[in-house]
Amino acid sequence: MTFHWWNTEKLVAELAEGRVSEKQSAQYAMLGAVLYYQGIYTATWFGGYRSWLLIYEFFVVSTIALVGISECLKANGGNDGRDFLKRYALISVPVGLKLALAGIVVSRVIYYGFPYVVTPVTFRDPVFVYQLIWFISSAAIAATYFWRIKIRLTQLAQTPLGGRPISRET
């Protein structure tokens, strides 16, 4: 199968014929993640926040996503695994919800607590410190997201009938 960047009809036909491998599914998920992050960061950029740190954050978070999805594919058994995208999508919901709630709490603590801790007296450039905190937070949330999904995919792949095909070796 070739990677269909634009031709949805050919992709649908290959999916219907069962000719899309687990590795290719992961590659589509990787591109989808980069497109998702590109949308978020473009909206932020044109929404008025422009900084080299924002561009750097996009590349860091996208790289975390690419590595994370690759590691999730391996945890699912690689190309010999089963139902990668289905498992990935389903497990991402509870993991994503937990991280979203944690993110809301942490973001409120940072937002309301920041002025008490970071002042022009304690730091020379409080605005940069604030941007740096959000940069680190974004990278940490992205890394935690893929790490937790990988753990659950590994757990699933190790359960009987959960992952890899049963070996015929004795």
C-alpha atoms as a PDB file:
ATOM      1  CA  MET A   1       0.000   0.000   0.000  1.00  0.00           C
ATOM      2  CA  THR A   2       1.134   3.503  -0.701  1.00  0.00           C
ATOM      3  CA  PHE A   3       0.526   6.437   1.581  1.00  0.00           C
ATOM      4  CA  HIS A   4      -2.421   8.411   0.227  1.00  0.00           C
ATOM      5  CA  TRP A   5      -1.795  12.036   1.096  1.00  0.00           C
ATOM      6  CA  TRP A   6      -4.799  13.316  -0.784  1.00  0.00           C
ATOM      7  CA  ASN A   7      -6.799  10.543  -2.469  1.00  0.00           C
ATOM      8  CA  THR A   8      -9.391   9.497   0.088  1.00  0.00           C
ATOM      9  CA  GLU A   9     -11.141   7.120  -2.339  1.00  0.00           C
ATOM     10  CA  LYS A  10      -8.015   5.005  -2.808  1.00  0.00           C
ATOM     11  CA  LEU A  11      -7.434   4.950   0.955  1.00  0.00           C
ATOM     12  CA  VAL A  12     -11.004   3.808   1.605  1.00  0.00           C
ATOM     13  CA  ALA A  13     -10.638   1.089  -1.039  1.00  0.00           C
ATOM     14  CA  GLU A  14      -7.422  -0.202   0.558  1.00  0.00           C
ATOM     15  CA  LEU A  15      -9.024  -0.129   4.003  1.00  0.00           C
ATOM     16  CA  ALA A  16     -11.998  -2.111   2.677  1.00  0.00           C
ATOM     17  CA  GLU A  17      -9.629  -4.684   1.194  1.00  0.00           C
ATOM     18  CA  GLY A  18      -7.691  -4.957   4.458  1.00  0.00           C
ATOM     19  CA  ARG A  19      -4.464  -3.750   2.875  1.00  0.00           C
ATOM     20  CA  VAL A  20      -3.529  -1.133   5.500  1.00  0.00           C
ATOM     21  CA  SER A  21      -0.908  -2.465   7.916  1.00  0.00           C
ATOM     22  CA  GLU A  22      -0.611  -1.571  11.581  1.00  0.00           C
ATOM     23  CA  LYS A  23       2.559   0.402  10.808  1.00  0.00           C
ATOM     24  CA  GLN A  24       0.766   2.369   8.098  1.00  0.00           C
ATOM     25  CA  SER A  25      -2.104   3.047  10.508  1.00  0.00           C
ATOM     26  CA  ALA A  26       0.410   4.498  12.950  1.00  0.00           C
ATOM     27  CA  GLN A  27       1.907   6.649  10.192  1.00  0.00           C
ATOM     28  CA  TYR A  28      -1.528   8.099   9.458  1.00  0.00           C
ATOM     29  CA  ALA A  29      -1.992   8.727  13.201  1.00  0.00           C
ATOM     30  CA  MET A  30       1.385  10.508  13.294  1.00  0.00           C
ATOM     31  CA  LEU A  31       0.488  12.797  10.421  1.00  0.00           C
ATOM     32  CA  GLY A  32      -2.915  13.410  11.989  1.00  0.00           C
ATOM     33  CA  ALA A  33      -1.249  14.417  15.273  1.00  0.00           C
ATOM     34  CA  VAL A  34       1.083  16.864  13.542  1.00  0.00           C
ATOM     35  CA  LEU A  35      -1.857  18.370  11.629  1.00  0.00           C
ATOM     36  CA  TYR A  36      -3.808  18.660  14.882  1.00  0.00           C
ATOM     37  CA  TYR A  37      -0.960  20.442  16.661  1.00  0.00           C
ATOM     38  CA  GLN A  38      -0.311  22.624  13.616  1.00  0.00           C
ATOM     39  CA  GLY A  39      -3.907  23.815  13.821  1.00  0.00           C
ATOM     40  CA  ILE A  40      -3.639  24.658  17.494  1.00  0.00           C
ATOM     41  CA  TYR A  41      -0.351  26.499  17.186  1.00  0.00           C
ATOM     42  CA  THR A  42      -1.397  28.364  14.036  1.00  0.00           C
ATOM     43  CA  ALA A  43      -4.522  29.591  15.832  1.00  0.00           C
ATOM     44  CA  THR A  44      -2.391  30.709  18.762  1.00  0.00           C
ATOM     45  CA  TRP A  45       0.127  32.422  16.467  1.00  0.00           C
ATOM     46  CA  PHE A  46      -2.526  34.346  14.559  1.00  0.00           C
ATOM     47  CA  GLY A  47      -4.450  34.951  17.765  1.00  0.00           C
ATOM     48  CA  GLY A  48      -1.784  37.397  18.839  1.00  0.00           C
ATOM     49  CA  TYR A  49       0.853  35.401  20.713  1.00  0.00           C
ATOM     50  CA  ARG A  50       4.018  35.294  18.624  1.00  0.00           C
ATOM     51  CA  SER A  51       7.299  34.073  19.961  1.00  0.00           C
ATOM     52  CA  TRP A  52      10.186  31.869  18.923  1.00  0.00           C
ATOM     53  CA  LEU A  53       9.297  29.806  21.979  1.00  0.00           C
ATOM     54  CA  LEU A  54       5.850  29.080  20.493  1.00  0.00           C
ATOM     55  CA  ILE A  55       7.432  27.788  17.282  1.00  0.00           C
ATOM     56  CA  TYR A  56       9.896  25.726  19.273  1.00  0.00           C
ATOM     57  CA  GLU A  57       7.049  24.368  21.422  1.00  0.00           C
ATOM     58  CA  PHE A  58       5.182  23.251  18.282  1.00  0.00           C
ATOM     59  CA  PHE A  59       8.222  21.289  17.103  1.00  0.00           C
ATOM     60  CA  VAL A  60       8.851  19.778  20.548  1.00  0.00           C
ATOM     61  CA  VAL A  61       5.228  18.720  21.062  1.00  0.00           C
ATOM     62  CA  SER A  62       5.003  17.357  17.499  1.00  0.00           C
ATOM     63  CA  THR A  63       8.210  15.370  18.013  1.00  0.00           C
ATOM     64  CA  ILE A  64       6.840  13.985  21.267  1.00  0.00           C
ATOM     65  CA  ALA A  65       3.705  12.936  19.363  1.00  0.00           C
ATOM     66  CA  LEU A  66       5.694  11.223  16.594  1.00  0.00           C
ATOM     67  CA  VAL A  67       7.879   9.330  19.050  1.00  0.00           C
ATOM     68  CA  GLY A  68       4.909   8.636  21.317  1.00  0.00           C
ATOM     69  CA  ILE A  69       2.777   7.113  18.561  1.00  0.00           C
ATOM     70  CA  SER A  70       5.750   5.060  17.365  1.00  0.00           C
ATOM     71  CA  GLU A  71       6.274   3.731  20.895  1.00  0.00           C
ATOM     72  CA  CYS A  72       2.554   3.006  21.237  1.00  0.00           C
ATOM     73  CA  LEU A  73       2.686   0.996  18.011  1.00  0.00           C
ATOM     74  CA  LYS A  74       5.608  -1.038  19.391  1.00  0.00           C
ATOM     75  CA  ALA A  75       3.729  -1.581  22.656  1.00  0.00           C
ATOM     76  CA  ASN A  76       0.784  -2.924  20.655  1.00  0.00           C
ATOM     77  CA  GLY A  77       3.009  -5.515  18.986  1.00  0.00           C
ATOM     78  CA  GLY A  78       4.308  -3.492  16.051  1.00  0.00           C
ATOM     79  CA  ASN A  79       3.188  -4.608  12.643  1.00  0.00           C
ATOM     80  CA  ASP A  80       2.227  -7.993  14.140  1.00  0.00           C
ATOM     81  CA  GLY A  81      -0.170  -6.350  16.614  1.00  0.00           C
ATOM     82  CA  ARG A  82      -3.913  -5.991  16.201  1.00  0.00           C
ATOM     83  CA  ASP A  83      -6.303  -3.065  15.887  1.00  0.00           C
ATOM     84  CA  PHE A  84      -3.744  -0.366  16.677  1.00  0.00           C
ATOM     85  CA  LEU A  85      -5.867   2.652  15.813  1.00  0.00           C
ATOM     86  CA  LYS A  86      -8.952   1.254  17.505  1.00  0.00           C
ATOM     87  CA  ARG A  87      -7.065   0.506  20.704  1.00  0.00           C
ATOM     88  CA  TYR A  88      -5.136   3.771  20.594  1.00  0.00           C
ATOM     89  CA  ALA A  89      -8.310   5.810  20.045  1.00  0.00           C
ATOM     90  CA  LEU A  90     -10.259   4.088  22.794  1.00  0.00           C
ATOM     91  CA  ILE A  91      -7.492   4.194  25.404  1.00  0.00           C
ATOM     92  CA  SER A  92      -6.784   7.843  24.570  1.00  0.00           C
ATOM     93  CA  VAL A  93     -10.230   8.879  25.838  1.00  0.00           C
ATOM     94  CA  PRO A  94      -9.852   8.076  29.559  1.00  0.00           C
ATOM     95  CA  VAL A  95      -6.170   9.052  29.488  1.00  0.00           C
ATOM     96  CA  GLY A  96      -7.059  12.325  27.761  1.00  0.00           C
ATOM     97  CA  LEU A  97      -9.885  13.073  30.190  1.00  0.00           C
ATOM     98  CA  LYS A  98      -7.655  12.543  33.228  1.00  0.00           C
ATOM     99  CA  LEU A  99      -4.942  14.753  31.749  1.00  0.00           C
ATOM    100  CA  ALA A 100      -7.477  17.409  30.750  1.00  0.00           C
ATOM    101  CA  LEU A 101      -8.774  17.615  34.308  1.00  0.00           C
ATOM    102  CA  ALA A 102      -5.249  17.672  35.725  1.00  0.00           C
ATOM    103  CA  GLY A 103      -4.354  20.350  33.165  1.00  0.00           C
ATOM    104  CA  ILE A 104      -7.265  22.517  34.251  1.00  0.00           C
ATOM    105  CA  VAL A 105      -6.201  22.312  37.892  1.00  0.00           C
ATOM    106  CA  VAL A 106      -2.517  22.934  37.162  1.00  0.00           C
ATOM    107  CA  SER A 107      -3.283  25.786  34.762  1.00  0.00           C
ATOM    108  CA  ARG A 108      -5.443  27.541  37.359  1.00  0.00           C
ATOM    109  CA  VAL A 109      -2.726  27.164  39.993  1.00  0.00           C
ATOM    110  CA  ILE A 110      -0.158  28.602  37.586  1.00  0.00           C
ATOM    111  CA  TYR A 111      -2.456  31.381  36.401  1.00  0.00           C
ATOM    112  CA  TYR A 112      -3.498  32.557  39.852  1.00  0.00           C
ATOM    113  CA  GLY A 113      -0.313  31.706  41.754  1.00  0.00           C
ATOM    114  CA  PHE A 114       2.198  33.031  39.258  1.00  0.00           C
ATOM    115  CA  PRO A 115       1.945  36.733  40.231  1.00  0.00           C
ATOM    116  CA  TYR A 116       2.720  35.861  43.848  1.00  0.00           C
ATOM    117  CA  VAL A 117       5.854  33.876  43.046  1.00  0.00           C
ATOM    118  CA  VAL A 118       7.291  35.437  39.899  1.00  0.00           C
ATOM    119  CA  THR A 119       7.672  39.189  40.175  1.00  0.00           C
ATOM    120  CA  PRO A 120      10.118  41.676  38.673  1.00  0.00           C
ATOM    121  CA  VAL A 121      11.955  41.471  42.000  1.00  0.00           C
ATOM    122  CA  THR A 122      12.391  37.677  41.907  1.00  0.00           C
ATOM    123  CA  PHE A 123      12.942  37.328  38.136  1.00  0.00           C
ATOM    124  CA  ARG A 124      14.344  39.784  35.616  1.00  0.00           C
ATOM    125  CA  ASP A 125      11.819  38.829  32.893  1.00  0.00           C
ATOM    126  CA  PRO A 126       8.558  37.497  34.387  1.00  0.00           C
ATOM    127  CA  VAL A 127       6.848  37.330  30.972  1.00  0.00           C
ATOM    128  CA  PHE A 128       9.536  34.980  29.656  1.00  0.00           C
ATOM    129  CA  VAL A 129       9.285  32.843  32.808  1.00  0.00           C
ATOM    130  CA  TYR A 130       5.521  32.639  32.298  1.00  0.00           C
ATOM    131  CA  GLN A 131       5.991  31.549  28.665  1.00  0.00           C
ATOM    132  CA  LEU A 132       8.614  29.022  29.714  1.00  0.00           C
ATOM    133  CA  ILE A 133       6.300  27.509  32.326  1.00  0.00           C
ATOM    134  CA  TRP A 134       3.603  27.005  29.674  1.00  0.00           C
ATOM    135  CA  PHE A 135       6.158  25.552  27.263  1.00  0.00           C
ATOM    136  CA  ILE A 136       7.311  23.020  29.857  1.00  0.00           C
ATOM    137  CA  SER A 137       3.708  22.251  30.824  1.00  0.00           C
ATOM    138  CA  SER A 138       2.703  21.571  27.212  1.00  0.00           C
ATOM    139  CA  ALA A 139       5.651  19.245  26.635  1.00  0.00           C
ATOM    140  CA  ALA A 140       5.034  17.445  29.937  1.00  0.00           C
ATOM    141  CA  ILE A 141       1.349  16.898  29.196  1.00  0.00           C
ATOM    142  CA  ALA A 142       2.101  15.584  25.694  1.00  0.00           C
ATOM    143  CA  ALA A 143       4.785  13.210  26.998  1.00  0.00           C
ATOM    144  CA  THR A 144       2.559  11.974  29.828  1.00  0.00           C
ATOM    145  CA  TYR A 145      -0.309  11.392  27.407  1.00  0.00           C
ATOM    146  CA  PHE A 146       1.668   9.053  25.134  1.00  0.00           C
ATOM    147  CA  TRP A 147       3.488   7.405  28.058  1.00  0.00           C
ATOM    148  CA  ARG A 148       0.182   6.452  29.726  1.00  0.00           C
ATOM    149  CA  ILE A 149      -1.294   5.136  26.466  1.00  0.00           C
ATOM    150  CA  LYS A 150       1.860   3.084  25.884  1.00  0.00           C
ATOM    151  CA  ILE A 151       1.554   1.550  29.353  1.00  0.00           C
ATOM    152  CA  ARG A 152      -2.051   0.502  28.688  1.00  0.00           C
ATOM    153  CA  LEU A 153      -1.268  -0.850  25.206  1.00  0.00           C
ATOM    154  CA  THR A 154       1.599  -2.886  26.685  1.00  0.00           C
ATOM    155  CA  GLN A 155      -0.772  -4.197  29.344  1.00  0.00           C
ATOM    156  CA  LEU A 156      -3.357  -5.107  26.709  1.00  0.00           C
ATOM    157  CA  ALA A 157      -0.809  -6.802  24.439  1.00  0.00           C
ATOM    158  CA  GLN A 158       0.366  -8.989  27.342  1.00  0.00           C
ATOM    159  CA  THR A 159      -3.081 -10.289  28.244  1.00  0.00           C
ATOM    160  CA  PRO A 160      -4.241 -13.602  26.747  1.00  0.00           C
ATOM    161  CA  LEU A 161      -5.848 -12.974  23.362  1.00  0.00           C
ATOM    162  CA  GLY A 162      -5.166  -9.290  23.885  1.00  0.00           C
ATOM    163  CA  GLY A 163      -2.388  -8.543  21.525  1.00  0.00           C
ATOM    164  CA  ARG A 164       0.152 -10.453  19.611  1.00  0.00           C
ATOM    165  CA  PRO A 165      -0.786 -13.581  17.731  1.00  0.00           C
ATOM    166  CA  ILE A 166      -0.255 -16.767  19.721  1.00  0.00           C
ATOM    167  CA  SER A 167       3.183 -18.144  18.894  1.00  0.00           C
ATOM    168  CA  ARG A 168       3.332 -21.550  17.233  1.00  0.00           C
ATOM    169  CA  GLU A 169       6.774 -22.163  18.738  1.00  0.00           C
ATOM    170  CA  THR A 170       7.021 -24.639  21.595  1.00  0.00           C
END
